[in-house]
Amino acid sequence: MAKTKESPLDTAFTAWKQKPTTDNMAAALTAADPIINSAITSYAGGNQSLRAQAKKLTAHGFQTYDPNYGTKLNSHLMNQLQPLRRVNQQRSNVVHMPERVQSDLYRLRQAQQSFFDRFGREPADSELSEHLGVPNSRLQHLRKFMRQETTELSTMSKPDGGVEPFQPGSQSANPEDIWMEYVHHDASPIDQKILEWKTGFNGVPTLSTQEIARKLRISPSAVSQRATRMAKQLQEMQQEGV
Protein backbone atom coordinates (compact mmCIF):
# COMPACT_ATOMS: atom_id res chain seq x y z
CA MET A 1 0.00 0.00 0.00
CA ALA A 2 1.42 3.35 -1.06
CA LYS A 3 2.26 5.78 1.70
CA THR A 4 0.07 8.90 1.82
CA LYS A 5 2.01 11.92 0.61
CA GLU A 6 2.46 14.57 3.28
CA SER A 7 0.88 17.94 2.53
CA PRO A 8 3.04 21.11 2.32
CA LEU A 9 1.38 22.30 5.54
CA ASP A 10 2.22 19.09 7.41
CA THR A 11 5.78 19.19 6.07
CA ALA A 12 6.26 22.80 7.18
CA PHE A 13 4.74 22.09 10.59
CA THR A 14 7.00 19.06 11.10
CA ALA A 15 10.06 21.14 10.19
CA TRP A 16 9.06 23.81 12.73
CA LYS A 17 8.30 21.21 15.40
CA GLN A 18 11.72 19.63 14.96
CA LYS A 19 13.48 22.99 14.85
CA PRO A 20 11.26 25.81 16.23
CA THR A 21 13.06 28.77 14.67
CA THR A 22 11.52 32.04 13.49
CA ASP A 23 12.22 31.13 9.85
CA ASN A 24 10.51 27.75 10.19
CA MET A 25 7.49 29.37 11.83
CA ALA A 26 7.32 31.88 8.96
CA ALA A 27 7.42 29.00 6.47
CA ALA A 28 4.66 27.17 8.36
CA LEU A 29 2.49 30.30 8.38
CA THR A 30 3.02 30.67 4.62
CA ALA A 31 1.95 27.06 4.12
CA ALA A 32 -1.14 27.76 6.25
CA ASP A 33 -2.13 30.77 4.13
CA PRO A 34 -5.01 28.95 2.35
CA ILE A 35 -6.48 28.05 5.75
CA ILE A 36 -6.04 31.61 6.99
CA ASN A 37 -7.81 32.92 3.88
CA SER A 38 -10.63 30.45 4.37
CA ALA A 39 -11.03 31.41 8.04
CA ILE A 40 -11.07 35.14 7.27
CA THR A 41 -13.78 34.51 4.67
CA SER A 42 -15.83 32.16 6.86
CA TYR A 43 -15.46 33.83 10.26
CA ALA A 44 -14.84 37.50 9.45
CA GLY A 45 -16.69 38.16 6.21
CA GLY A 46 -13.44 38.58 4.30
CA ASN A 47 -12.15 41.35 6.60
CA GLN A 48 -8.48 41.40 5.58
CA SER A 49 -7.58 43.81 8.40
CA LEU A 50 -7.73 40.75 10.68
CA ARG A 51 -4.90 38.96 8.88
CA ALA A 52 -2.34 39.83 11.56
CA GLN A 53 -4.64 38.45 14.27
CA ALA A 54 -5.28 35.37 12.13
CA LYS A 55 -1.55 34.69 11.89
CA LYS A 56 -1.19 35.01 15.67
CA LEU A 57 -4.01 32.52 16.18
CA THR A 58 -2.48 30.17 13.61
CA ALA A 59 0.92 30.32 15.33
CA HIS A 60 -0.83 29.54 18.62
CA GLY A 61 -2.56 26.64 16.85
CA PHE A 62 0.80 25.19 15.81
CA GLN A 63 1.94 25.37 19.43
CA THR A 64 -1.13 23.55 20.77
CA TYR A 65 -1.51 20.90 18.05
CA ASP A 66 -1.04 17.29 19.11
CA PRO A 67 -1.37 14.76 16.27
CA ASN A 68 -1.87 11.97 18.83
CA TYR A 69 -5.47 13.12 19.31
CA GLY A 70 -6.29 12.10 15.75
CA THR A 71 -7.39 15.55 14.55
CA LYS A 72 -5.96 16.75 11.26
CA LEU A 73 -3.79 19.84 11.45
CA ASN A 74 -5.93 21.88 9.07
CA SER A 75 -9.05 21.10 11.12
CA HIS A 76 -7.28 22.07 14.33
CA LEU A 77 -6.15 25.39 12.84
CA MET A 78 -9.63 26.24 11.57
CA ASN A 79 -10.94 25.61 15.08
CA GLN A 80 -8.23 27.85 16.56
CA LEU A 81 -9.18 30.62 14.12
CA GLN A 82 -12.81 30.81 15.25
CA PRO A 83 -12.13 33.78 17.61
CA LEU A 84 -11.86 35.88 14.43
CA ARG A 85 -15.66 35.91 14.37
CA ARG A 86 -15.79 37.52 17.82
CA VAL A 87 -13.03 40.02 17.07
CA ASN A 88 -14.66 41.05 13.80
CA GLN A 89 -18.02 41.51 15.51
CA GLN A 90 -16.43 43.57 18.28
CA ARG A 91 -14.73 45.84 15.77
CA SER A 92 -17.99 46.36 13.92
CA ASN A 93 -20.33 46.83 16.85
CA VAL A 94 -18.33 48.17 19.78
CA VAL A 95 -15.89 50.63 18.28
CA HIS A 96 -17.42 53.24 16.02
CA MET A 97 -14.67 54.41 13.70
CA PRO A 98 -14.95 57.50 11.52
CA GLU A 99 -14.11 56.83 7.88
CA ARG A 100 -10.86 58.80 8.12
CA VAL A 101 -9.78 56.77 11.17
CA GLN A 102 -10.47 53.51 9.34
CA SER A 103 -8.38 54.73 6.41
CA ASP A 104 -5.52 55.85 8.67
CA LEU A 105 -5.60 52.58 10.62
CA TYR A 106 -5.32 50.65 7.39
CA ARG A 107 -2.30 52.75 6.35
CA LEU A 108 -0.80 52.31 9.82
CA ARG A 109 -1.10 48.51 9.73
CA GLN A 110 0.29 48.42 6.19
CA ALA A 111 3.26 50.56 7.27
CA GLN A 112 3.92 48.34 10.30
CA GLN A 113 3.87 45.20 8.19
CA SER A 114 6.02 46.77 5.47
CA PHE A 115 8.61 47.88 8.03
CA PHE A 116 8.64 44.44 9.68
CA ASP A 117 9.07 42.69 6.33
CA ARG A 118 11.98 44.99 5.45
CA PHE A 119 13.84 45.22 8.77
CA GLY A 120 12.61 42.13 10.65
CA ARG A 121 11.35 44.06 13.69
CA GLU A 122 8.48 46.25 14.87
CA PRO A 123 8.93 49.97 14.09
CA ALA A 124 9.12 52.68 16.72
CA ASP A 125 6.48 55.42 16.66
CA SER A 126 9.07 57.94 15.47
CA GLU A 127 9.78 55.72 12.45
CA LEU A 128 6.07 55.23 11.73
CA SER A 129 5.42 58.95 12.06
CA GLU A 130 8.14 59.73 9.53
CA HIS A 131 7.03 57.00 7.14
CA LEU A 132 3.35 58.02 7.19
CA GLY A 133 3.96 61.74 7.38
CA VAL A 134 1.69 62.18 10.41
CA PRO A 135 2.50 63.68 13.83
CA ASN A 136 3.03 61.44 16.83
CA SER A 137 -0.16 62.83 18.41
CA ARG A 138 -2.14 61.37 15.51
CA LEU A 139 -0.57 57.96 16.06
CA GLN A 140 -1.61 58.05 19.72
CA HIS A 141 -5.16 58.94 18.68
CA LEU A 142 -5.25 55.93 16.36
CA ARG A 143 -3.91 53.64 19.08
CA LYS A 144 -6.97 54.41 21.20
CA PHE A 145 -9.01 52.57 18.58
CA MET A 146 -6.45 49.78 18.26
CA ARG A 147 -6.34 48.98 22.00
CA GLN A 148 -9.84 47.48 22.07
CA GLU A 149 -8.97 45.34 19.07
CA THR A 150 -5.90 44.02 20.88
CA THR A 151 -7.86 43.09 24.02
CA GLU A 152 -9.55 40.13 22.34
CA LEU A 153 -6.23 38.37 21.76
CA SER A 154 -4.37 39.56 24.84
CA THR A 155 -5.24 36.37 26.76
CA MET A 156 -2.91 34.50 24.40
CA SER A 157 0.05 36.39 25.86
CA LYS A 158 1.41 34.60 28.92
CA PRO A 159 3.99 36.20 31.26
CA ASP A 160 7.34 34.45 31.26
CA GLY A 161 7.43 34.47 35.05
CA GLY A 162 10.62 36.51 35.33
CA VAL A 163 11.15 39.63 37.41
CA GLU A 164 10.61 42.59 35.12
CA PRO A 165 12.48 45.86 35.65
CA PHE A 166 9.39 47.87 34.69
CA GLN A 167 5.75 47.84 35.75
CA PRO A 168 2.84 49.50 33.95
CA GLY A 169 2.63 53.12 35.08
CA SER A 170 -0.26 55.18 36.35
CA GLN A 171 -2.57 56.95 33.95
CA SER A 172 -2.37 60.16 35.99
CA ALA A 173 0.20 62.85 35.33
CA ASN A 174 3.13 62.68 37.73
CA PRO A 175 6.92 63.24 37.71
CA GLU A 176 7.53 59.62 36.72
CA ASP A 177 5.61 60.22 33.48
CA ILE A 178 7.87 63.17 32.70
CA TRP A 179 11.01 61.10 33.35
CA MET A 180 9.59 58.34 31.19
CA GLU A 181 9.08 60.86 28.38
CA TYR A 182 12.73 61.90 28.63
CA VAL A 183 14.03 58.33 28.48
CA HIS A 184 11.68 57.39 25.65
CA HIS A 185 12.57 60.46 23.59
CA ASP A 186 16.32 59.85 23.82
CA ALA A 187 16.16 56.07 23.29
CA SER A 188 16.93 54.25 20.06
CA PRO A 189 13.93 52.92 18.07
CA ILE A 190 14.46 49.40 19.45
CA ASP A 191 14.77 50.66 23.02
CA GLN A 192 11.63 52.77 22.54
CA LYS A 193 9.66 49.64 21.65
CA ILE A 194 11.07 47.75 24.64
CA LEU A 195 10.14 50.62 26.95
CA GLU A 196 6.63 50.77 25.54
CA TRP A 197 5.98 47.03 25.75
CA LYS A 198 7.47 46.77 29.24
CA THR A 199 5.53 49.68 30.74
CA GLY A 200 2.45 50.19 28.58
CA PHE A 201 3.84 53.62 27.66
CA ASN A 202 1.79 55.40 24.95
CA GLY A 203 -1.10 53.06 25.65
CA VAL A 204 0.39 49.96 24.02
CA PRO A 205 -0.28 46.51 25.54
CA THR A 206 2.45 45.14 27.84
CA LEU A 207 4.32 42.04 26.66
CA SER A 208 6.63 39.48 28.20
CA THR A 209 10.37 39.45 27.56
CA GLN A 210 10.02 36.45 25.25
CA GLU A 211 7.32 38.13 23.17
CA ILE A 212 9.31 41.35 22.85
CA ALA A 213 12.39 39.39 21.76
CA ARG A 214 10.35 37.61 19.09
CA LYS A 215 8.87 40.85 17.74
CA LEU A 216 12.22 42.65 17.60
CA ARG A 217 14.21 39.62 16.40
CA ILE A 218 16.74 39.92 19.24
CA SER A 219 17.53 37.58 22.12
CA PRO A 220 15.56 37.68 25.41
CA SER A 221 18.81 38.46 27.24
CA ALA A 222 19.33 41.51 25.00
CA VAL A 223 15.81 42.68 25.83
CA SER A 224 16.49 42.27 29.56
CA GLN A 225 19.84 44.08 29.33
CA ARG A 226 18.33 47.04 27.45
CA ALA A 227 15.34 47.20 29.82
CA THR A 228 17.60 47.07 32.87
CA ARG A 229 19.74 49.88 31.47
CA MET A 230 16.69 52.10 30.95
CA ALA A 231 15.36 51.21 34.40
CA LYS A 232 18.67 52.32 35.88
CA GLN A 233 18.49 55.54 33.88
CA LEU A 234 15.01 56.23 35.25
CA GLN A 235 16.17 55.51 38.78
CA GLU A 236 19.10 57.92 38.43
CA MET A 237 16.79 60.65 37.16
CA GLN A 238 14.46 60.12 40.11
CA GLN A 239 17.34 60.33 42.56
CA GLU A 240 18.67 63.49 40.96
CA GLY A 241 15.21 65.00 40.79
CA VAL A 242 15.44 65.84 37.09
C-alpha atoms as a PDB file:
ATOM      1  CA  MET A   1       0.000   0.000   0.000  1.00  0.00           C
ATOM      2  CA  ALA A   2       1.424   3.355  -1.059  1.00  0.00           C
ATOM      3  CA  LYS A   3       2.263   5.783   1.704  1.00  0.00           C
ATOM      4  CA  THR A   4       0.072   8.901   1.824  1.00  0.00           C
ATOM      5  CA  LYS A   5       2.007  11.919   0.608  1.00  0.00           C
ATOM      6  CA  GLU A   6       2.465  14.569   3.283  1.00  0.00           C
ATOM      7  CA  SER A   7       0.881  17.943   2.532  1.00  0.00           C
ATOM      8  CA  PRO A   8       3.043  21.107   2.324  1.00  0.00           C
ATOM      9  CA  LEU A   9       1.381  22.298   5.541  1.00  0.00           C
ATOM     10  CA  ASP A  10       2.220  19.093   7.410  1.00  0.00           C
ATOM     11  CA  THR A  11       5.777  19.194   6.072  1.00  0.00           C
ATOM     12  CA  ALA A  12       6.264  22.798   7.181  1.00  0.00           C
ATOM     13  CA  PHE A  13       4.736  22.088  10.589  1.00  0.00           C
ATOM     14  CA  THR A  14       6.996  19.058  11.104  1.00  0.00           C
ATOM     15  CA  ALA A  15      10.060  21.140  10.190  1.00  0.00           C
ATOM     16  CA  TRP A  16       9.060  23.808  12.726  1.00  0.00           C
ATOM     17  CA  LYS A  17       8.300  21.212  15.400  1.00  0.00           C
ATOM     18  CA  GLN A  18      11.722  19.626  14.959  1.00  0.00           C
ATOM     19  CA  LYS A  19      13.477  22.992  14.852  1.00  0.00           C
ATOM     20  CA  PRO A  20      11.258  25.805  16.232  1.00  0.00           C
ATOM     21  CA  THR A  21      13.058  28.766  14.670  1.00  0.00           C
ATOM     22  CA  THR A  22      11.519  32.040  13.485  1.00  0.00           C
ATOM     23  CA  ASP A  23      12.221  31.130   9.852  1.00  0.00           C
ATOM     24  CA  ASN A  24      10.513  27.749  10.194  1.00  0.00           C
ATOM     25  CA  MET A  25       7.494  29.367  11.827  1.00  0.00           C
ATOM     26  CA  ALA A  26       7.324  31.875   8.959  1.00  0.00           C
ATOM     27  CA  ALA A  27       7.422  29.000   6.472  1.00  0.00           C
ATOM     28  CA  ALA A  28       4.665  27.165   8.361  1.00  0.00           C
ATOM     29  CA  LEU A  29       2.492  30.298   8.378  1.00  0.00           C
ATOM     30  CA  THR A  30       3.024  30.672   4.625  1.00  0.00           C
ATOM     31  CA  ALA A  31       1.953  27.056   4.120  1.00  0.00           C
ATOM     32  CA  ALA A  32      -1.135  27.755   6.248  1.00  0.00           C
ATOM     33  CA  ASP A  33      -2.129  30.774   4.131  1.00  0.00           C
ATOM     34  CA  PRO A  34      -5.010  28.954   2.350  1.00  0.00           C
ATOM     35  CA  ILE A  35      -6.477  28.053   5.749  1.00  0.00           C
ATOM     36  CA  ILE A  36      -6.036  31.613   6.994  1.00  0.00           C
ATOM     37  CA  ASN A  37      -7.814  32.924   3.884  1.00  0.00           C
ATOM     38  CA  SER A  38     -10.635  30.445   4.367  1.00  0.00           C
ATOM     39  CA  ALA A  39     -11.031  31.408   8.045  1.00  0.00           C
ATOM     40  CA  ILE A  40     -11.067  35.140   7.265  1.00  0.00           C
ATOM     41  CA  THR A  41     -13.784  34.513   4.673  1.00  0.00           C
ATOM     42  CA  SER A  42     -15.835  32.165   6.863  1.00  0.00           C
ATOM     43  CA  TYR A  43     -15.460  33.828  10.260  1.00  0.00           C
ATOM     44  CA  ALA A  44     -14.843  37.500   9.452  1.00  0.00           C
ATOM     45  CA  GLY A  45     -16.685  38.157   6.211  1.00  0.00           C
ATOM     46  CA  GLY A  46     -13.436  38.583   4.304  1.00  0.00           C
ATOM     47  CA  ASN A  47     -12.152  41.350   6.604  1.00  0.00           C
ATOM     48  CA  GLN A  48      -8.478  41.400   5.575  1.00  0.00           C
ATOM     49  CA  SER A  49      -7.578  43.812   8.398  1.00  0.00           C
ATOM     50  CA  LEU A  50      -7.731  40.754  10.681  1.00  0.00           C
ATOM     51  CA  ARG A  51      -4.896  38.959   8.881  1.00  0.00           C
ATOM     52  CA  ALA A  52      -2.339  39.827  11.560  1.00  0.00           C
ATOM     53  CA  GLN A  53      -4.640  38.446  14.268  1.00  0.00           C
ATOM     54  CA  ALA A  54      -5.280  35.374  12.132  1.00  0.00           C
ATOM     55  CA  LYS A  55      -1.546  34.695  11.890  1.00  0.00           C
ATOM     56  CA  LYS A  56      -1.188  35.007  15.667  1.00  0.00           C
ATOM     57  CA  LEU A  57      -4.012  32.516  16.184  1.00  0.00           C
ATOM     58  CA  THR A  58      -2.476  30.172  13.614  1.00  0.00           C
ATOM     59  CA  ALA A  59       0.921  30.319  15.328  1.00  0.00           C
ATOM     60  CA  HIS A  60      -0.826  29.539  18.620  1.00  0.00           C
ATOM     61  CA  GLY A  61      -2.562  26.642  16.847  1.00  0.00           C
ATOM     62  CA  PHE A  62       0.799  25.190  15.812  1.00  0.00           C
ATOM     63  CA  GLN A  63       1.945  25.369  19.433  1.00  0.00           C
ATOM     64  CA  THR A  64      -1.129  23.550  20.768  1.00  0.00           C
ATOM     65  CA  TYR A  65      -1.507  20.904  18.054  1.00  0.00           C
ATOM     66  CA  ASP A  66      -1.039  17.292  19.113  1.00  0.00           C
ATOM     67  CA  PRO A  67      -1.369  14.755  16.273  1.00  0.00           C
ATOM     68  CA  ASN A  68      -1.875  11.974  18.826  1.00  0.00           C
ATOM     69  CA  TYR A  69      -5.469  13.122  19.310  1.00  0.00           C
ATOM     70  CA  GLY A  70      -6.289  12.096  15.754  1.00  0.00           C
ATOM     71  CA  THR A  71      -7.385  15.547  14.554  1.00  0.00           C
ATOM     72  CA  LYS A  72      -5.961  16.745  11.257  1.00  0.00           C
ATOM     73  CA  LEU A  73      -3.788  19.843  11.446  1.00  0.00           C
ATOM     74  CA  ASN A  74      -5.929  21.884   9.065  1.00  0.00           C
ATOM     75  CA  SER A  75      -9.054  21.101  11.116  1.00  0.00           C
ATOM     76  CA  HIS A  76      -7.285  22.069  14.330  1.00  0.00           C
ATOM     77  CA  LEU A  77      -6.150  25.386  12.837  1.00  0.00           C
ATOM     78  CA  MET A  78      -9.629  26.236  11.572  1.00  0.00           C
ATOM     79  CA  ASN A  79     -10.943  25.614  15.083  1.00  0.00           C
ATOM     80  CA  GLN A  80      -8.235  27.850  16.563  1.00  0.00           C
ATOM     81  CA  LEU A  81      -9.183  30.617  14.122  1.00  0.00           C
ATOM     82  CA  GLN A  82     -12.806  30.809  15.251  1.00  0.00           C
ATOM     83  CA  PRO A  83     -12.131  33.785  17.605  1.00  0.00           C
ATOM     84  CA  LEU A  84     -11.861  35.876  14.427  1.00  0.00           C
ATOM     85  CA  ARG A  85     -15.659  35.909  14.368  1.00  0.00           C
ATOM     86  CA  ARG A  86     -15.788  37.516  17.818  1.00  0.00           C
ATOM     87  CA  VAL A  87     -13.027  40.020  17.068  1.00  0.00           C
ATOM     88  CA  ASN A  88     -14.664  41.049  13.796  1.00  0.00           C
ATOM     89  CA  GLN A  89     -18.015  41.509  15.513  1.00  0.00           C
ATOM     90  CA  GLN A  90     -16.427  43.573  18.275  1.00  0.00           C
ATOM     91  CA  ARG A  91     -14.732  45.841  15.773  1.00  0.00           C
ATOM     92  CA  SER A  92     -17.991  46.359  13.916  1.00  0.00           C
ATOM     93  CA  ASN A  93     -20.328  46.826  16.853  1.00  0.00           C
ATOM     94  CA  VAL A  94     -18.335  48.169  19.781  1.00  0.00           C
ATOM     95  CA  VAL A  95     -15.895  50.633  18.279  1.00  0.00           C
ATOM     96  CA  HIS A  96     -17.424  53.241  16.016  1.00  0.00           C
ATOM     97  CA  MET A  97     -14.671  54.413  13.703  1.00  0.00           C
ATOM     98  CA  PRO A  98     -14.955  57.501  11.519  1.00  0.00           C
ATOM     99  CA  GLU A  99     -14.114  56.831   7.882  1.00  0.00           C
ATOM    100  CA  ARG A 100     -10.863  58.796   8.118  1.00  0.00           C
ATOM    101  CA  VAL A 101      -9.782  56.766  11.171  1.00  0.00           C
ATOM    102  CA  GLN A 102     -10.474  53.512   9.335  1.00  0.00           C
ATOM    103  CA  SER A 103      -8.376  54.733   6.409  1.00  0.00           C
ATOM    104  CA  ASP A 104      -5.517  55.855   8.673  1.00  0.00           C
ATOM    105  CA  LEU A 105      -5.602  52.584  10.623  1.00  0.00           C
ATOM    106  CA  TYR A 106      -5.323  50.653   7.386  1.00  0.00           C
ATOM    107  CA  ARG A 107      -2.304  52.751   6.355  1.00  0.00           C
ATOM    108  CA  LEU A 108      -0.800  52.307   9.822  1.00  0.00           C
ATOM    109  CA  ARG A 109      -1.104  48.515   9.725  1.00  0.00           C
ATOM    110  CA  GLN A 110       0.293  48.417   6.193  1.00  0.00           C
ATOM    111  CA  ALA A 111       3.260  50.556   7.265  1.00  0.00           C
ATOM    112  CA  GLN A 112       3.918  48.342  10.297  1.00  0.00           C
ATOM    113  CA  GLN A 113       3.867  45.195   8.186  1.00  0.00           C
ATOM    114  CA  SER A 114       6.022  46.767   5.470  1.00  0.00           C
ATOM    115  CA  PHE A 115       8.606  47.882   8.032  1.00  0.00           C
ATOM    116  CA  PHE A 116       8.636  44.437   9.679  1.00  0.00           C
ATOM    117  CA  ASP A 117       9.065  42.692   6.328  1.00  0.00           C
ATOM    118  CA  ARG A 118      11.982  44.990   5.447  1.00  0.00           C
ATOM    119  CA  PHE A 119      13.838  45.216   8.769  1.00  0.00           C
ATOM    120  CA  GLY A 120      12.610  42.129  10.649  1.00  0.00           C
ATOM    121  CA  ARG A 121      11.345  44.059  13.692  1.00  0.00           C
ATOM    122  CA  GLU A 122       8.484  46.252  14.867  1.00  0.00           C
ATOM    123  CA  PRO A 123       8.926  49.975  14.094  1.00  0.00           C
ATOM    124  CA  ALA A 124       9.120  52.685  16.722  1.00  0.00           C
ATOM    125  CA  ASP A 125       6.480  55.417  16.658  1.00  0.00           C
ATOM    126  CA  SER A 126       9.067  57.942  15.467  1.00  0.00           C
ATOM    127  CA  GLU A 127       9.779  55.721  12.454  1.00  0.00           C
ATOM    128  CA  LEU A 128       6.071  55.230  11.727  1.00  0.00           C
ATOM    129  CA  SER A 129       5.424  58.947  12.057  1.00  0.00           C
ATOM    130  CA  GLU A 130       8.140  59.733   9.533  1.00  0.00           C
ATOM    131  CA  HIS A 131       7.032  56.999   7.141  1.00  0.00           C
ATOM    132  CA  LEU A 132       3.354  58.018   7.192  1.00  0.00           C
ATOM    133  CA  GLY A 133       3.958  61.735   7.376  1.00  0.00           C
ATOM    134  CA  VAL A 134       1.689  62.183  10.409  1.00  0.00           C
ATOM    135  CA  PRO A 135       2.501  63.684  13.825  1.00  0.00           C
ATOM    136  CA  ASN A 136       3.028  61.437  16.832  1.00  0.00           C
ATOM    137  CA  SER A 137      -0.160  62.835  18.414  1.00  0.00           C
ATOM    138  CA  ARG A 138      -2.135  61.369  15.506  1.00  0.00           C
ATOM    139  CA  LEU A 139      -0.566  57.958  16.064  1.00  0.00           C
ATOM    140  CA  GLN A 140      -1.606  58.051  19.721  1.00  0.00           C
ATOM    141  CA  HIS A 141      -5.165  58.936  18.681  1.00  0.00           C
ATOM    142  CA  LEU A 142      -5.250  55.926  16.355  1.00  0.00           C
ATOM    143  CA  ARG A 143      -3.906  53.642  19.077  1.00  0.00           C
ATOM    144  CA  LYS A 144      -6.968  54.408  21.201  1.00  0.00           C
ATOM    145  CA  PHE A 145      -9.010  52.573  18.581  1.00  0.00           C
ATOM    146  CA  MET A 146      -6.447  49.778  18.264  1.00  0.00           C
ATOM    147  CA  ARG A 147      -6.342  48.980  21.997  1.00  0.00           C
ATOM    148  CA  GLN A 148      -9.837  47.481  22.072  1.00  0.00           C
ATOM    149  CA  GLU A 149      -8.971  45.338  19.069  1.00  0.00           C
ATOM    150  CA  THR A 150      -5.900  44.016  20.877  1.00  0.00           C
ATOM    151  CA  THR A 151      -7.860  43.088  24.016  1.00  0.00           C
ATOM    152  CA  GLU A 152      -9.546  40.127  22.344  1.00  0.00           C
ATOM    153  CA  LEU A 153      -6.231  38.370  21.756  1.00  0.00           C
ATOM    154  CA  SER A 154      -4.370  39.560  24.840  1.00  0.00           C
ATOM    155  CA  THR A 155      -5.243  36.373  26.758  1.00  0.00           C
ATOM    156  CA  MET A 156      -2.909  34.503  24.399  1.00  0.00           C
ATOM    157  CA  SER A 157       0.052  36.389  25.863  1.00  0.00           C
ATOM    158  CA  LYS A 158       1.410  34.605  28.920  1.00  0.00           C
ATOM    159  CA  PRO A 159       3.987  36.195  31.256  1.00  0.00           C
ATOM    160  CA  ASP A 160       7.337  34.445  31.256  1.00  0.00           C
ATOM    161  CA  GLY A 161       7.430  34.470  35.051  1.00  0.00           C
ATOM    162  CA  GLY A 162      10.616  36.511  35.330  1.00  0.00           C
ATOM    163  CA  VAL A 163      11.148  39.630  37.406  1.00  0.00           C
ATOM    164  CA  GLU A 164      10.612  42.595  35.123  1.00  0.00           C
ATOM    165  CA  PRO A 165      12.484  45.865  35.653  1.00  0.00           C
ATOM    166  CA  PHE A 166       9.386  47.869  34.685  1.00  0.00           C
ATOM    167  CA  GLN A 167       5.755  47.836  35.754  1.00  0.00           C
ATOM    168  CA  PRO A 168       2.840  49.501  33.947  1.00  0.00           C
ATOM    169  CA  GLY A 169       2.632  53.124  35.079  1.00  0.00           C
ATOM    170  CA  SER A 170      -0.260  55.178  36.353  1.00  0.00           C
ATOM    171  CA  GLN A 171      -2.572  56.955  33.948  1.00  0.00           C
ATOM    172  CA  SER A 172      -2.374  60.157  35.994  1.00  0.00           C
ATOM    173  CA  ALA A 173       0.197  62.852  35.334  1.00  0.00           C
ATOM    174  CA  ASN A 174       3.130  62.678  37.734  1.00  0.00           C
ATOM    175  CA  PRO A 175       6.918  63.241  37.713  1.00  0.00           C
ATOM    176  CA  GLU A 176       7.535  59.618  36.715  1.00  0.00           C
ATOM    177  CA  ASP A 177       5.613  60.216  33.483  1.00  0.00           C
ATOM    178  CA  ILE A 178       7.868  63.173  32.700  1.00  0.00           C
ATOM    179  CA  TRP A 179      11.012  61.099  33.350  1.00  0.00           C
ATOM    180  CA  MET A 180       9.590  58.341  31.188  1.00  0.00           C
ATOM    181  CA  GLU A 181       9.081  60.858  28.379  1.00  0.00           C
ATOM    182  CA  TYR A 182      12.734  61.905  28.628  1.00  0.00           C
ATOM    183  CA  VAL A 183      14.029  58.327  28.478  1.00  0.00           C
ATOM    184  CA  HIS A 184      11.675  57.387  25.646  1.00  0.00           C
ATOM    185  CA  HIS A 185      12.569  60.459  23.595  1.00  0.00           C
ATOM    186  CA  ASP A 186      16.321  59.852  23.821  1.00  0.00           C
ATOM    187  CA  ALA A 187      16.165  56.074  23.294  1.00  0.00           C
ATOM    188  CA  SER A 188      16.930  54.253  20.059  1.00  0.00           C
ATOM    189  CA  PRO A 189      13.930  52.921  18.069  1.00  0.00           C
ATOM    190  CA  ILE A 190      14.455  49.400  19.447  1.00  0.00           C
ATOM    191  CA  ASP A 191      14.772  50.660  23.024  1.00  0.00           C
ATOM    192  CA  GLN A 192      11.633  52.768  22.539  1.00  0.00           C
ATOM    193  CA  LYS A 193       9.656  49.640  21.652  1.00  0.00           C
ATOM    194  CA  ILE A 194      11.072  47.752  24.642  1.00  0.00           C
ATOM    195  CA  LEU A 195      10.139  50.622  26.954  1.00  0.00           C
ATOM    196  CA  GLU A 196       6.630  50.766  25.541  1.00  0.00           C
ATOM    197  CA  TRP A 197       5.979  47.031  25.752  1.00  0.00           C
ATOM    198  CA  LYS A 198       7.469  46.773  29.239  1.00  0.00           C
ATOM    199  CA  THR A 199       5.532  49.685  30.742  1.00  0.00           C
ATOM    200  CA  GLY A 200       2.450  50.191  28.583  1.00  0.00           C
ATOM    201  CA  PHE A 201       3.837  53.615  27.656  1.00  0.00           C
ATOM    202  CA  ASN A 202       1.791  55.402  24.946  1.00  0.00           C
ATOM    203  CA  GLY A 203      -1.104  53.061  25.648  1.00  0.00           C
ATOM    204  CA  VAL A 204       0.385  49.961  24.016  1.00  0.00           C
ATOM    205  CA  PRO A 205      -0.275  46.511  25.544  1.00  0.00           C
ATOM    206  CA  THR A 206       2.452  45.144  27.836  1.00  0.00           C
ATOM    207  CA  LEU A 207       4.319  42.036  26.655  1.00  0.00           C
ATOM    208  CA  SER A 208       6.631  39.481  28.199  1.00  0.00           C
ATOM    209  CA  THR A 209      10.366  39.450  27.563  1.00  0.00           C
ATOM    210  CA  GLN A 210      10.022  36.450  25.249  1.00  0.00           C
ATOM    211  CA  GLU A 211       7.318  38.135  23.170  1.00  0.00           C
ATOM    212  CA  ILE A 212       9.314  41.350  22.848  1.00  0.00           C
ATOM    213  CA  ALA A 213      12.388  39.389  21.759  1.00  0.00           C
ATOM    214  CA  ARG A 214      10.349  37.612  19.094  1.00  0.00           C
ATOM    215  CA  LYS A 215       8.868  40.845  17.743  1.00  0.00           C
ATOM    216  CA  LEU A 216      12.217  42.648  17.603  1.00  0.00           C
ATOM    217  CA  ARG A 217      14.212  39.622  16.403  1.00  0.00           C
ATOM    218  CA  ILE A 218      16.736  39.915  19.236  1.00  0.00           C
ATOM    219  CA  SER A 219      17.527  37.582  22.125  1.00  0.00           C
ATOM    220  CA  PRO A 220      15.560  37.677  25.409  1.00  0.00           C
ATOM    221  CA  SER A 221      18.806  38.464  27.240  1.00  0.00           C
ATOM    222  CA  ALA A 222      19.330  41.505  24.996  1.00  0.00           C
ATOM    223  CA  VAL A 223      15.806  42.678  25.831  1.00  0.00           C
ATOM    224  CA  SER A 224      16.488  42.271  29.562  1.00  0.00           C
ATOM    225  CA  GLN A 225      19.835  44.082  29.326  1.00  0.00           C
ATOM    226  CA  ARG A 226      18.327  47.036  27.449  1.00  0.00           C
ATOM    227  CA  ALA A 227      15.339  47.199  29.817  1.00  0.00           C
ATOM    228  CA  THR A 228      17.598  47.073  32.870  1.00  0.00           C
ATOM    229  CA  ARG A 229      19.743  49.876  31.466  1.00  0.00           C
ATOM    230  CA  MET A 230      16.691  52.102  30.953  1.00  0.00           C
ATOM    231  CA  ALA A 231      15.357  51.210  34.395  1.00  0.00           C
ATOM    232  CA  LYS A 232      18.672  52.324  35.882  1.00  0.00           C
ATOM    233  CA  GLN A 233      18.488  55.541  33.878  1.00  0.00           C
ATOM    234  CA  LEU A 234      15.008  56.228  35.248  1.00  0.00           C
ATOM    235  CA  GLN A 235      16.169  55.508  38.783  1.00  0.00           C
ATOM    236  CA  GLU A 236      19.099  57.918  38.433  1.00  0.00           C
ATOM    237  CA  MET A 237      16.788  60.647  37.158  1.00  0.00           C
ATOM    238  CA  GLN A 238      14.457  60.123  40.106  1.00  0.00           C
ATOM    239  CA  GLN A 239      17.336  60.329  42.564  1.00  0.00           C
ATOM    240  CA  GLU A 240      18.665  63.492  40.964  1.00  0.00           C
ATOM    241  CA  GLY A 241      15.207  65.003  40.787  1.00  0.00           C
ATOM    242  CA  VAL A 242      15.442  65.838  37.087  1.00  0.00           C
END
